[in-house]
Amino acid sequence: MRVRVRFEPGVSTATTDNGALIMLCEATGTMHQCNPTATVIWTELVKHDGDTDAAALAVAAYYDADIELVRTDLNLLVDRLDHASLVRVER
């Protein structure tokens, strides 16, 4: 099943000097700071139009990591962001 991740309306992003991604929902004030690895995951999600499978493959190649480990990390990140209402998941 193809899964896509989308920004919720009113969410903005910025990158800090150390490479961390900050996500902010302007309506609720909810903020989430991603560590550099989660930032790479998010960057690949954006590059692949929210396609979690394609993003996981790209991250696994980038880090030369096990694809199942990357999928687990990606899903954990997406779940956190979904729970914080910063993204929505389309199945």
Protein backbone atom coordinates (compact mmCIF):
# COMPACT_ATOMS: atom_id res chain seq x y z
CA MET A 1 0.00 0.00 0.00
CA ARG A 2 1.40 3.38 -1.01
CA VAL A 3 1.55 5.91 1.82
CA ARG A 4 2.09 9.64 1.36
CA VAL A 5 2.86 12.27 3.97
CA ARG A 6 1.57 15.83 3.57
CA PHE A 7 2.09 19.05 5.52
CA GLU A 8 -0.94 20.22 7.39
CA PRO A 9 -1.98 23.74 6.32
CA GLY A 10 -0.13 26.52 8.12
CA VAL A 11 3.00 24.48 8.89
CA SER A 12 6.29 26.18 8.19
CA THR A 13 9.84 24.84 8.38
CA ALA A 14 13.27 26.25 9.00
CA THR A 15 16.72 24.71 9.31
CA THR A 16 19.06 25.63 12.14
CA ASP A 17 22.80 26.25 11.82
CA ASN A 18 23.51 22.68 13.01
CA GLY A 19 21.28 21.17 10.30
CA ALA A 20 18.24 20.42 12.44
CA LEU A 21 14.79 20.99 10.98
CA ILE A 22 12.22 22.97 12.96
CA MET A 23 8.54 22.50 12.09
CA LEU A 24 5.96 24.97 13.40
CA CYS A 25 2.18 24.97 13.10
CA GLU A 26 1.24 28.63 13.14
CA ALA A 27 -2.38 27.93 14.13
CA THR A 28 -1.63 25.85 17.24
CA GLY A 29 1.92 26.87 18.09
CA THR A 30 2.96 23.22 17.97
CA MET A 31 6.67 22.91 17.26
CA HIS A 32 8.87 19.91 16.58
CA GLN A 33 12.65 19.90 16.18
CA CYS A 34 14.15 17.08 14.14
CA ASN A 35 17.67 15.86 14.73
CA PRO A 36 19.97 15.78 11.68
CA THR A 37 18.99 12.19 10.78
CA ALA A 38 15.28 12.97 10.97
CA THR A 39 16.00 16.06 8.87
CA VAL A 40 17.47 13.82 6.14
CA ILE A 41 14.37 11.62 6.34
CA TRP A 42 12.11 14.65 6.02
CA THR A 43 14.16 16.08 3.14
CA GLU A 44 13.77 12.80 1.26
CA LEU A 45 10.03 12.75 1.96
CA VAL A 46 9.78 16.22 0.43
CA LYS A 47 11.94 15.23 -2.58
CA HIS A 48 9.74 12.18 -3.17
CA ASP A 49 6.41 14.02 -2.80
CA GLY A 50 5.71 12.40 0.56
CA ASP A 51 6.15 8.83 -0.75
CA THR A 52 7.39 6.91 2.28
CA ASP A 53 8.71 3.94 0.29
CA ALA A 54 10.81 6.07 -2.05
CA ALA A 55 12.07 8.22 0.83
CA ALA A 56 13.08 5.15 2.86
CA LEU A 57 15.05 3.74 -0.08
CA ALA A 58 16.86 7.06 -0.58
CA VAL A 59 17.72 7.39 3.12
CA ALA A 60 18.95 3.78 3.25
CA ALA A 61 21.20 4.47 0.27
CA TYR A 62 22.45 7.76 1.78
CA TYR A 63 23.46 6.10 5.06
CA ASP A 64 24.21 2.65 3.59
CA ALA A 65 21.74 1.38 6.19
CA ASP A 66 19.34 -1.53 6.47
CA ILE A 67 16.08 -0.61 4.72
CA GLU A 68 13.91 -2.11 7.48
CA LEU A 69 15.67 -0.03 10.13
CA VAL A 70 15.17 3.09 8.02
CA ARG A 71 11.48 2.27 7.49
CA THR A 72 11.06 1.88 11.24
CA ASP A 73 12.73 5.24 11.93
CA LEU A 74 10.75 6.93 9.16
CA ASN A 75 7.45 5.55 10.47
CA LEU A 76 8.27 6.66 14.02
CA LEU A 77 9.01 10.19 12.79
CA VAL A 78 5.84 10.33 10.71
CA ASP A 79 3.76 9.03 13.64
CA ARG A 80 5.19 11.74 15.93
CA LEU A 81 4.52 14.47 13.39
CA ASP A 82 1.03 13.14 12.67
CA HIS A 83 0.25 13.00 16.40
CA ALA A 84 1.44 16.63 16.70
CA SER A 85 -0.88 17.57 13.76
CA LEU A 86 2.07 18.80 11.71
CA VAL A 87 1.46 16.32 8.89
CA ARG A 88 -1.31 14.06 7.66
CA VAL A 89 -0.90 10.58 6.31
CA GLU A 90 -2.70 9.59 3.11
CA ARG A 91 -3.19 5.87 2.55
